[in-house]
């Protein structure tokens, strides 16, 4: 609540600072009779940046540190016997304190727990209002500082552009370190998994049954962690989805870009893009309640044995979901092909269809490949449709009429519930995530090679 209130005040302050900075710059010009170094808008941006950045920096620091600071203050106020407990017991105690402060009551509330929760609420309220006060004070101080620096010789454009460049560098650096952190976290847990299960068994094993037992005499204590059935199911469903999405999406993009009238394009393109906004659980219901029974009935008519949950049903519906990605992106890419290429081909006597096949599509091929890559990544990462239409059975089969599962579904299954990160069953999810990351990286490398090859030819 305090963060939202502070941000609202800062938005108003920055907006006011921008307009007042512009007015101040114009007033200074009229008074001094000298030209400004920068446009008046840059002086407004300079004031707005000083109004918002110090307060936002304070807000970020507080969001990062508030939990540990409040927890240490509450623990320091506990009686000596309770403050000297082990870190594990203190962690459980603070978890109960936070739950009570949020109105979640489970179990008996002792007087010490009630007092600590009241103290925590008091500190939290005090911290929230202090944050608002400090943020507003910094914003007003920044406004006063920047407002009085406005002068004809002040290089506002240089200062604003330098600040924006620093912010862009910070944002890109944060994204890089976030990616590195994700990769390292998955890698370290995968190394722990491979210390329990040999990597050759994981990569080439044909049985997937990650059921580890709690007792040595329990059935299934050894488990089976061969991931080949998962990779096969993922590739099978992805291939079916792409077989549905690529022709329909690409043909619809060609029609909208080259053949459709403007009013038809204005209707058809938004209608196709609506498919991208439908939640995946709706697609899952559609696959489970409509497509799968229809395929099963068709299989009975043709004398085929179609499972109630099949790769064909999941892949078909997933392909329908992916159509907007390929269609919309390919349409934009085809439209962006220079008009001169089309006119040159038509001037040489080629027909419209020959121009599209031999000139437009080869020129747009790098972008179309990128669109297909995005669609493949979307298909590989889909979970809900597979759970509802293809099932959880890890079957090693290339028959699209049978039930299969995918890597993402198993990752979710392995991490559901209260799991300890010491068993091979839970650590297997990280190994699957690492394998999925490497597969996607390989697809990116191949796509980048294709894009560079054809871009050199048509740029």
Protein backbone atom coordinates (compact mmCIF):
# COMPACT_ATOMS: atom_id res chain seq x y z
CA UNK A 1 0.00 0.00 0.00
CA UNK A 2 2.77 2.45 0.92
CA UNK A 3 4.74 1.64 -2.24
CA UNK A 4 1.71 2.26 -4.45
CA UNK A 5 0.93 5.50 -2.60
CA UNK A 6 4.52 6.68 -2.93
CA UNK A 7 4.67 5.84 -6.62
CA UNK A 8 1.41 7.70 -7.22
CA UNK A 9 2.77 10.80 -5.49
CA UNK A 10 6.03 10.53 -7.42
CA UNK A 11 4.22 10.27 -10.75
CA UNK A 12 2.33 13.47 -9.96
CA UNK A 13 5.51 15.15 -8.73
CA UNK A 14 7.50 14.13 -11.82
CA UNK A 15 4.73 15.31 -14.13
CA UNK A 16 4.53 18.65 -12.37
CA UNK A 17 8.31 18.91 -12.32
CA UNK A 18 8.48 18.34 -16.06
CA UNK A 19 6.05 21.14 -16.89
CA UNK A 20 7.47 23.54 -14.32
CA UNK A 21 10.98 22.82 -15.62
CA UNK A 22 9.94 23.70 -19.14
CA UNK A 23 8.25 26.90 -17.99
CA UNK A 24 11.30 27.79 -15.90
CA UNK A 25 13.60 27.31 -18.90
CA UNK A 26 11.50 29.59 -21.10
CA UNK A 27 11.25 32.20 -18.34
CA UNK A 28 15.03 32.17 -17.89
CA UNK A 29 15.51 32.76 -21.62
CA UNK A 30 13.18 35.74 -21.61
CA UNK A 31 14.85 37.18 -18.53
CA UNK A 32 18.49 36.62 -19.51
CA UNK A 33 18.09 37.21 -23.24
CA UNK A 34 20.42 34.28 -24.02
CA UNK A 35 19.61 31.12 -25.97
CA UNK A 36 19.26 27.83 -24.13
CA UNK A 37 21.89 25.15 -24.59
CA UNK A 38 19.12 22.49 -24.91
CA UNK A 39 15.48 22.39 -25.86
CA UNK A 40 13.05 23.31 -23.06
CA UNK A 41 11.81 19.73 -22.89
CA UNK A 42 15.24 18.51 -21.73
CA UNK A 43 15.10 20.86 -18.75
CA UNK A 44 11.70 19.41 -17.89
CA UNK A 45 13.08 15.87 -18.17
CA UNK A 46 16.02 16.85 -15.96
CA UNK A 47 13.71 18.10 -13.20
CA UNK A 48 11.45 15.04 -13.53
CA UNK A 49 14.41 12.67 -13.20
CA UNK A 50 15.58 14.37 -10.03
CA UNK A 51 12.03 14.21 -8.65
CA UNK A 52 11.71 10.46 -9.22
CA UNK A 53 15.07 8.69 -9.20
CA UNK A 54 16.26 9.32 -5.59
CA UNK A 55 12.88 8.29 -4.17
CA UNK A 56 12.64 5.22 -6.41
CA UNK A 57 16.16 4.17 -5.39
CA UNK A 58 15.14 4.45 -1.75
CA UNK A 59 12.02 2.40 -2.45
CA UNK A 60 14.03 -0.37 -4.13
CA UNK A 61 16.52 -0.51 -1.25
CA UNK A 62 13.68 -0.70 1.27
CA UNK A 63 11.87 -3.47 -0.63
CA UNK A 64 15.07 -5.51 -0.61
CA UNK A 65 15.91 -4.94 3.07
CA UNK A 66 12.54 -4.56 4.81
CA UNK A 67 11.95 -8.24 5.66
CA UNK A 68 15.35 -8.77 7.25
CA UNK A 69 15.27 -5.42 9.08
CA UNK A 70 11.79 -5.96 10.56
CA UNK A 71 12.63 -9.53 11.49
CA UNK A 72 15.82 -8.51 13.31
CA UNK A 73 13.97 -5.77 15.19
CA UNK A 74 11.23 -8.16 16.31
CA UNK A 75 13.76 -10.82 17.37
CA UNK A 76 15.79 -8.22 19.28
CA UNK A 77 12.66 -7.28 21.25
CA UNK A 78 11.94 -10.89 22.30
CA UNK A 79 12.69 -12.11 25.82
CA UNK A 80 16.17 -13.47 26.34
CA UNK A 81 15.08 -17.12 26.47
CA UNK A 82 13.30 -16.90 23.12
CA UNK A 83 15.91 -14.76 21.35
CA UNK A 84 18.57 -17.38 22.12
CA UNK A 85 16.81 -20.20 20.29
CA UNK A 86 18.19 -21.87 17.17
CA UNK A 87 17.82 -20.10 13.79
CA UNK A 88 15.39 -22.81 12.64
CA UNK A 89 13.02 -22.26 15.56
CA UNK A 90 13.27 -18.49 15.18
CA UNK A 91 12.43 -18.84 11.51
CA UNK A 92 9.31 -20.85 12.33
CA UNK A 93 8.38 -18.34 15.01
CA UNK A 94 8.73 -15.39 12.60
CA UNK A 95 6.67 -17.24 10.01
CA UNK A 96 3.84 -17.51 12.55
CA UNK A 97 4.28 -13.83 13.42
CA UNK A 98 3.92 -12.80 9.78
CA UNK A 99 0.88 -15.03 9.34
CA UNK A 100 -0.87 -13.53 12.36
CA UNK A 101 -0.02 -10.01 11.16
CA UNK A 102 -1.71 -10.87 7.84
CA UNK A 103 -4.79 -12.27 9.57
CA UNK A 104 -3.91 -15.95 9.03
CA UNK A 105 -4.44 -17.89 12.24
CA UNK A 106 -3.50 -21.58 12.42
CA UNK A 107 -3.11 -23.21 15.79
CA UNK A 108 -2.78 -21.82 19.28
CA UNK A 109 -1.59 -18.24 19.74
CA UNK A 110 0.64 -17.83 22.78
CA UNK A 111 1.01 -14.46 24.58
CA UNK A 112 4.60 -14.15 23.31
CA UNK A 113 3.46 -14.80 19.75
CA UNK A 114 0.63 -12.31 20.04
CA UNK A 115 2.94 -9.62 21.45
CA UNK A 116 5.52 -10.22 18.73
CA UNK A 117 2.83 -10.01 16.03
CA UNK A 118 1.55 -6.71 17.45
CA UNK A 119 5.12 -5.37 17.57
CA UNK A 120 5.67 -6.52 13.99
CA UNK A 121 2.49 -4.78 12.80
CA UNK A 122 3.52 -1.58 14.57
CA UNK A 123 6.99 -1.62 13.02
CA UNK A 124 5.53 -2.41 9.61
CA UNK A 125 3.07 0.48 9.76
CA UNK A 126 5.76 2.83 11.01
CA UNK A 127 8.11 1.73 8.24
CA UNK A 128 5.49 2.16 5.55
CA UNK A 129 4.63 5.72 6.51
CA UNK A 130 8.31 6.54 7.03
CA UNK A 131 8.99 5.29 3.52
CA UNK A 132 6.27 7.55 2.11
CA UNK A 133 7.59 10.52 4.06
CA UNK A 134 11.24 9.95 3.14
CA UNK A 135 10.34 9.32 -0.50
CA UNK A 136 8.31 12.51 -0.77
CA UNK A 137 11.03 14.49 1.00
CA UNK A 138 13.63 13.21 -1.44
CA UNK A 139 11.36 13.95 -4.39
CA UNK A 140 10.74 17.53 -3.24
CA UNK A 141 14.44 18.04 -2.48
CA UNK A 142 15.34 16.74 -5.94
CA UNK A 143 12.77 19.09 -7.49
CA UNK A 144 14.20 22.12 -5.67
CA UNK A 145 17.78 21.17 -6.56
CA UNK A 146 17.06 20.63 -10.26
CA UNK A 147 14.71 23.60 -10.56
CA UNK A 148 17.38 26.05 -9.34
CA UNK A 149 20.04 24.63 -11.66
CA UNK A 150 18.13 25.65 -14.79
CA UNK A 151 20.13 28.31 -16.62
CA UNK A 152 20.84 29.18 -20.28
CA UNK A 153 24.32 27.66 -20.14
CA UNK A 154 23.26 24.50 -18.28
CA UNK A 155 23.74 21.41 -20.50
CA UNK A 156 20.46 19.68 -19.68
CA UNK A 157 20.44 17.44 -22.77
CA UNK A 158 23.87 16.01 -21.91
CA UNK A 159 22.83 15.30 -18.31
CA UNK A 160 19.53 13.69 -19.32
CA UNK A 161 21.08 11.50 -22.01
CA UNK A 162 23.89 10.44 -19.66
CA UNK A 163 21.35 9.50 -16.99
CA UNK A 164 19.22 7.54 -19.45
CA UNK A 165 22.31 5.75 -20.75
CA UNK A 166 23.27 4.76 -17.20
CA UNK A 167 19.74 3.47 -16.54
CA UNK A 168 19.83 1.41 -19.75
CA UNK A 169 23.19 -0.07 -18.78
CA UNK A 170 21.87 -0.95 -15.32
CA UNK A 171 18.77 -2.58 -16.82
CA UNK A 172 20.78 -4.64 -19.32
CA UNK A 173 23.29 -5.63 -16.65
CA UNK A 174 20.48 -6.71 -14.32
CA UNK A 175 18.94 -8.86 -17.05
CA UNK A 176 22.32 -10.44 -17.79
CA UNK A 177 22.97 -11.26 -14.14
CA UNK A 178 19.41 -12.57 -13.77
CA UNK A 179 19.99 -14.94 -16.67
CA UNK A 180 23.32 -16.04 -15.22
CA UNK A 181 21.70 -16.61 -11.83
CA UNK A 182 18.93 -18.74 -13.33
CA UNK A 183 21.41 -20.83 -15.31
CA UNK A 184 23.73 -21.32 -12.33
CA UNK A 185 20.91 -22.25 -9.96
CA UNK A 186 19.63 -24.86 -12.39
CA UNK A 187 23.17 -26.06 -13.13
CA UNK A 188 24.19 -26.54 -9.49
CA UNK A 189 21.03 -28.49 -8.65
CA UNK A 190 21.49 -30.57 -11.80
CA UNK A 191 25.04 -31.41 -10.72
CA UNK A 192 23.62 -32.65 -7.41
CA UNK A 193 21.15 -34.81 -9.34
CA UNK A 194 23.85 -36.27 -11.57
CA UNK A 195 25.88 -37.15 -8.47
CA UNK A 196 22.97 -39.44 -7.52
CA UNK A 197 21.84 -40.62 -10.97
CA UNK A 198 24.44 -41.21 -13.72
CA UNK A 199 24.14 -38.78 -16.60
CA UNK A 200 24.13 -41.56 -19.19
CA UNK A 201 21.14 -43.15 -17.48
CA UNK A 202 19.30 -39.82 -17.58
CA UNK A 203 20.08 -39.07 -21.22
CA UNK A 204 19.72 -42.56 -22.69
CA UNK A 205 17.45 -44.38 -20.25
CA UNK A 206 14.14 -45.61 -21.66
CA UNK A 207 12.16 -45.75 -18.40
CA UNK A 208 10.88 -42.72 -16.49
CA UNK A 209 9.47 -43.49 -13.05
CA UNK A 210 10.83 -40.97 -10.52
CA UNK A 211 9.27 -42.65 -7.49
CA UNK A 212 11.74 -42.67 -4.64
CA UNK A 213 10.69 -44.32 -1.42
CA UNK A 214 10.83 -43.03 2.12
CA UNK A 215 11.88 -46.48 3.42
CA UNK A 216 14.42 -48.92 2.05
CA UNK A 217 11.89 -51.78 1.92
CA UNK A 218 9.29 -49.71 0.04
CA UNK A 219 8.49 -50.68 -3.54
CA UNK A 220 10.03 -48.34 -6.11
CA UNK A 221 12.91 -47.26 -3.88
CA UNK A 222 15.37 -47.27 -6.78
CA UNK A 223 13.32 -45.24 -9.28
CA UNK A 224 13.96 -44.88 -13.01
CA UNK A 225 15.18 -41.57 -14.43
CA UNK A 226 15.54 -42.22 -18.14
CA UNK A 227 14.36 -39.01 -19.83
CA UNK A 228 14.11 -40.32 -23.40
CA UNK A 229 10.30 -40.84 -23.14
CA UNK A 230 9.91 -37.24 -22.01
CA UNK A 231 12.04 -35.85 -24.83
CA UNK A 232 10.18 -38.02 -27.32
CA UNK A 233 6.78 -36.86 -26.08
CA UNK A 234 7.86 -33.23 -26.14
CA UNK A 235 9.16 -33.47 -29.70
CA UNK A 236 6.09 -35.42 -30.85
CA UNK A 237 3.58 -32.89 -29.51
CA UNK A 238 5.70 -29.97 -30.74
CA UNK A 239 5.94 -31.49 -34.23
CA UNK A 240 2.16 -31.97 -34.40
CA UNK A 241 1.60 -28.41 -33.18
CA UNK A 242 3.98 -26.97 -35.76
CA UNK A 243 2.43 -29.09 -38.51
CA UNK A 244 -0.88 -27.40 -37.69
CA UNK A 245 0.35 -23.88 -36.95
CA UNK A 246 2.99 -23.25 -39.62
CA UNK A 247 0.89 -23.84 -42.76
CA UNK A 248 -2.22 -22.10 -41.43
CA UNK A 249 -0.28 -19.22 -39.87
CA UNK A 250 2.00 -18.68 -42.86
CA UNK A 251 -0.77 -18.95 -45.46
CA UNK A 252 -2.98 -16.55 -43.51
CA UNK A 253 -0.06 -14.11 -43.25
CA UNK A 254 0.54 -14.29 -47.02
CA UNK A 255 -3.16 -13.71 -47.68
CA UNK A 256 -3.39 -10.73 -45.34
CA UNK A 257 -0.15 -9.14 -46.59
CA UNK A 258 -0.49 -9.73 -50.34
CA UNK A 259 -4.08 -10.52 -51.32
CA UNK A 260 -6.54 -9.19 -48.75
CA UNK A 261 -8.17 -5.80 -49.11
CA UNK A 262 -7.45 -3.30 -46.32
CA UNK A 263 -10.88 -3.68 -44.71
CA UNK A 264 -10.57 -7.48 -44.77
CA UNK A 265 -7.11 -7.28 -43.19
CA UNK A 266 -8.43 -4.96 -40.49
CA UNK A 267 -10.99 -7.62 -39.55
CA UNK A 268 -9.07 -10.87 -40.05
CA UNK A 269 -5.82 -9.94 -38.30
CA UNK A 270 -7.40 -8.85 -34.98
CA UNK A 271 -9.67 -11.89 -35.12
CA UNK A 272 -6.64 -14.17 -35.40
CA UNK A 273 -4.77 -12.33 -32.66
CA UNK A 274 -7.69 -12.89 -30.28
CA UNK A 275 -6.56 -16.53 -30.14
CA UNK A 276 -3.35 -15.40 -28.44
CA UNK A 277 -5.32 -13.87 -25.57
CA UNK A 278 -7.28 -16.99 -24.68
CA UNK A 279 -5.94 -18.61 -21.46
CA UNK A 280 -4.22 -21.95 -21.99
CA UNK A 281 -6.57 -23.63 -19.51
CA UNK A 282 -9.43 -22.82 -21.89
CA UNK A 283 -7.51 -24.50 -24.68
CA UNK A 284 -6.98 -27.43 -22.35
CA UNK A 285 -10.73 -27.74 -21.70
CA UNK A 286 -11.36 -27.50 -25.44
CA UNK A 287 -8.85 -30.26 -26.10
CA UNK A 288 -10.14 -32.54 -23.33
CA UNK A 289 -13.88 -32.05 -23.88
CA UNK A 290 -14.14 -31.52 -27.62
CA UNK A 291 -11.09 -32.47 -29.66
CA UNK A 292 -10.09 -35.64 -27.80
CA UNK A 293 -13.60 -37.20 -27.87
CA UNK A 294 -13.97 -36.27 -31.55
CA UNK A 295 -10.67 -37.94 -32.39
CA UNK A 296 -11.62 -41.01 -30.38
CA UNK A 297 -14.95 -41.31 -32.20
CA UNK A 298 -13.23 -40.82 -35.55
CA UNK A 299 -10.74 -43.52 -34.61
CA UNK A 300 -13.57 -45.92 -33.77
CA UNK A 301 -15.14 -45.21 -37.15
CA UNK A 302 -11.86 -45.91 -38.93
CA UNK A 303 -11.00 -48.92 -36.79
CA UNK A 304 -8.13 -47.20 -34.96
CA UNK A 305 -7.39 -47.39 -31.26
CA UNK A 306 -7.23 -43.77 -30.08
CA UNK A 307 -6.49 -43.13 -26.42
CA UNK A 308 -8.74 -40.82 -24.44
CA UNK A 309 -5.64 -38.67 -23.87
CA UNK A 310 -3.46 -38.53 -26.95
CA UNK A 311 -0.55 -36.56 -28.38
CA UNK A 312 -2.64 -35.79 -31.44
CA UNK A 313 -5.33 -33.99 -29.43
CA UNK A 314 -2.81 -31.97 -27.43
CA UNK A 315 -0.68 -31.13 -30.47
CA UNK A 316 -3.66 -30.09 -32.58
CA UNK A 317 -5.03 -27.69 -29.98
CA UNK A 318 -1.55 -26.40 -29.22
CA UNK A 319 -1.09 -25.70 -32.92
CA UNK A 320 -4.32 -23.69 -32.92
CA UNK A 321 -3.01 -21.70 -29.98
CA UNK A 322 0.29 -20.98 -31.77
CA UNK A 323 -1.30 -19.79 -35.05
CA UNK A 324 -1.43 -16.10 -33.97
CA UNK A 325 2.30 -16.06 -33.18
CA UNK A 326 3.29 -17.22 -36.64
CA UNK A 327 0.53 -15.36 -38.49
CA UNK A 328 0.98 -11.96 -36.90
CA UNK A 329 4.78 -11.97 -36.92
CA UNK A 330 5.02 -13.35 -40.46
CA UNK A 331 2.49 -10.79 -41.68
CA UNK A 332 4.55 -7.92 -40.26
CA UNK A 333 7.72 -9.38 -41.75
CA UNK A 334 6.22 -9.86 -45.23
CA UNK A 335 4.78 -6.33 -45.22
CA UNK A 336 8.24 -5.00 -44.30
CA UNK A 337 9.84 -6.47 -47.47
CA UNK A 338 10.80 -3.47 -49.68
CA UNK A 339 8.21 -2.62 -52.30
CA UNK A 340 10.96 -2.29 -54.88
CA UNK A 341 11.55 -6.05 -54.85
CA UNK A 342 7.93 -6.71 -55.74
CA UNK A 343 7.83 -4.04 -58.43
CA UNK A 344 11.06 -5.28 -60.02
CA UNK A 345 9.76 -8.86 -60.20
CA UNK A 346 6.43 -7.77 -61.67
CA UNK A 347 8.20 -5.54 -64.18
CA UNK A 348 10.17 -8.54 -65.44
CA UNK A 349 6.94 -10.36 -66.21
CA UNK A 350 6.51 -12.53 -63.14
CA UNK A 351 3.01 -13.13 -61.86
CA UNK A 352 1.91 -12.12 -58.38
CA UNK A 353 2.14 -15.68 -57.08
CA UNK A 354 5.61 -16.17 -58.61
CA UNK A 355 6.73 -12.90 -57.04
CA UNK A 356 5.54 -14.06 -53.63
CA UNK A 357 7.17 -17.49 -53.87
CA UNK A 358 10.48 -16.50 -55.49
CA UNK A 359 11.06 -12.97 -54.17
CA UNK A 360 8.97 -11.99 -51.15
CA UNK A 361 9.17 -15.20 -49.12
CA UNK A 362 12.96 -15.67 -49.60
CA UNK A 363 13.51 -12.05 -48.59
CA UNK A 364 11.30 -12.51 -45.51
CA UNK A 365 12.72 -15.92 -44.63
CA UNK A 366 14.94 -14.75 -41.71
CA UNK A 367 11.95 -13.18 -39.98
CA UNK A 368 9.72 -16.17 -40.71
CA UNK A 369 12.34 -18.48 -39.21
CA UNK A 370 12.42 -16.29 -36.11
CA UNK A 371 8.62 -16.45 -35.89
CA UNK A 372 8.68 -20.24 -36.16
CA UNK A 373 11.38 -20.39 -33.48
CA UNK A 374 9.19 -18.34 -31.16
CA UNK A 375 6.32 -20.70 -31.86
CA UNK A 376 8.49 -23.76 -31.16
CA UNK A 377 9.62 -22.27 -27.86
CA UNK A 378 5.98 -21.59 -27.00
CA UNK A 379 5.03 -25.17 -27.81
CA UNK A 380 7.92 -26.69 -25.86
CA UNK A 381 7.07 -24.65 -22.77
CA UNK A 382 3.33 -25.34 -22.77
CA UNK A 383 2.04 -27.35 -19.81
CA UNK A 384 -1.70 -26.99 -19.22
CA UNK A 385 -2.86 -28.34 -22.58
CA UNK A 386 -0.59 -31.38 -22.24
CA UNK A 387 -1.80 -32.12 -18.72
CA UNK A 388 -5.46 -32.01 -19.75
CA UNK A 389 -5.24 -33.59 -23.21
CA UNK A 390 -2.12 -35.79 -23.32
CA UNK A 391 -1.86 -37.03 -19.75
CA UNK A 392 1.05 -37.73 -17.42
CA UNK A 393 2.11 -41.15 -18.71
CA UNK A 394 5.76 -41.21 -19.81
CA UNK A 395 5.37 -43.56 -22.79
CA UNK A 396 8.16 -44.06 -25.29
CA UNK A 397 6.21 -44.04 -28.53
CA UNK A 398 6.01 -42.22 -31.85
CA UNK A 399 2.31 -43.01 -32.25
CA UNK A 400 0.35 -39.74 -31.99
CA UNK A 401 -2.78 -41.69 -31.00
CA UNK A 402 -1.30 -42.75 -27.65
CA UNK A 403 -0.88 -40.83 -24.40
CA UNK A 404 2.46 -39.14 -23.80
CA UNK A 405 3.86 -36.44 -21.56
CA UNK A 406 6.38 -33.63 -21.89
CA UNK A 407 9.36 -32.26 -20.01
CA UNK A 408 7.52 -29.22 -18.63
CA UNK A 409 4.64 -31.32 -17.30
CA UNK A 410 7.05 -33.55 -15.41
CA UNK A 411 8.89 -30.54 -13.99
CA UNK A 412 5.63 -29.24 -12.54
CA UNK A 413 4.66 -32.70 -11.28
CA UNK A 414 7.98 -33.21 -9.52
CA UNK A 415 7.87 -29.85 -7.73
CA UNK A 416 4.23 -29.90 -6.60
CA UNK A 417 3.65 -30.18 -2.86
CA UNK A 418 6.05 -30.10 0.06
CA UNK A 419 9.22 -31.54 -1.39
CA UNK A 420 12.70 -31.76 0.04
CA UNK A 421 15.52 -30.76 -2.29
CA UNK A 422 17.66 -33.69 -1.26
CA UNK A 423 16.02 -36.52 -3.18
CA UNK A 424 16.64 -37.54 -6.76
CA UNK A 425 12.92 -37.16 -7.49
CA UNK A 426 12.95 -33.42 -6.80
CA UNK A 427 16.40 -32.75 -8.24
CA UNK A 428 15.32 -34.44 -11.46
CA UNK A 429 13.19 -31.37 -12.22
CA UNK A 430 16.32 -29.23 -12.40
CA UNK A 431 18.04 -31.72 -14.67
CA UNK A 432 15.03 -31.63 -16.98
CA UNK A 433 15.11 -27.83 -16.89
CA UNK A 434 18.79 -27.82 -17.83
CA UNK A 435 18.17 -30.22 -20.70
CA UNK A 436 15.28 -28.07 -21.94
CA UNK A 437 17.49 -24.98 -21.74
CA UNK A 438 20.23 -26.63 -23.80
CA UNK A 439 17.71 -27.82 -26.41
CA UNK A 440 16.28 -24.31 -26.76
CA UNK A 441 19.78 -22.88 -26.99
CA UNK A 442 20.56 -25.29 -29.81
CA UNK A 443 17.43 -24.20 -31.67
CA UNK A 444 18.49 -20.57 -31.27
CA UNK A 445 21.94 -21.30 -32.70
CA UNK A 446 20.47 -23.05 -35.75
CA UNK A 447 17.97 -20.26 -36.31
CA UNK A 448 20.69 -17.62 -35.98
CA UNK A 449 22.75 -19.43 -38.62
CA UNK A 450 19.80 -19.47 -41.03
CA UNK A 451 18.99 -15.82 -40.38
CA UNK A 452 22.57 -14.68 -40.99
CA UNK A 453 22.91 -16.78 -44.12
CA UNK A 454 19.84 -15.37 -45.84
CA UNK A 455 20.19 -11.86 -44.44
CA UNK A 456 23.57 -11.51 -46.16
CA UNK A 457 21.90 -12.45 -49.39
CA UNK A 458 18.90 -10.11 -49.32
CA UNK A 459 20.04 -7.06 -47.29
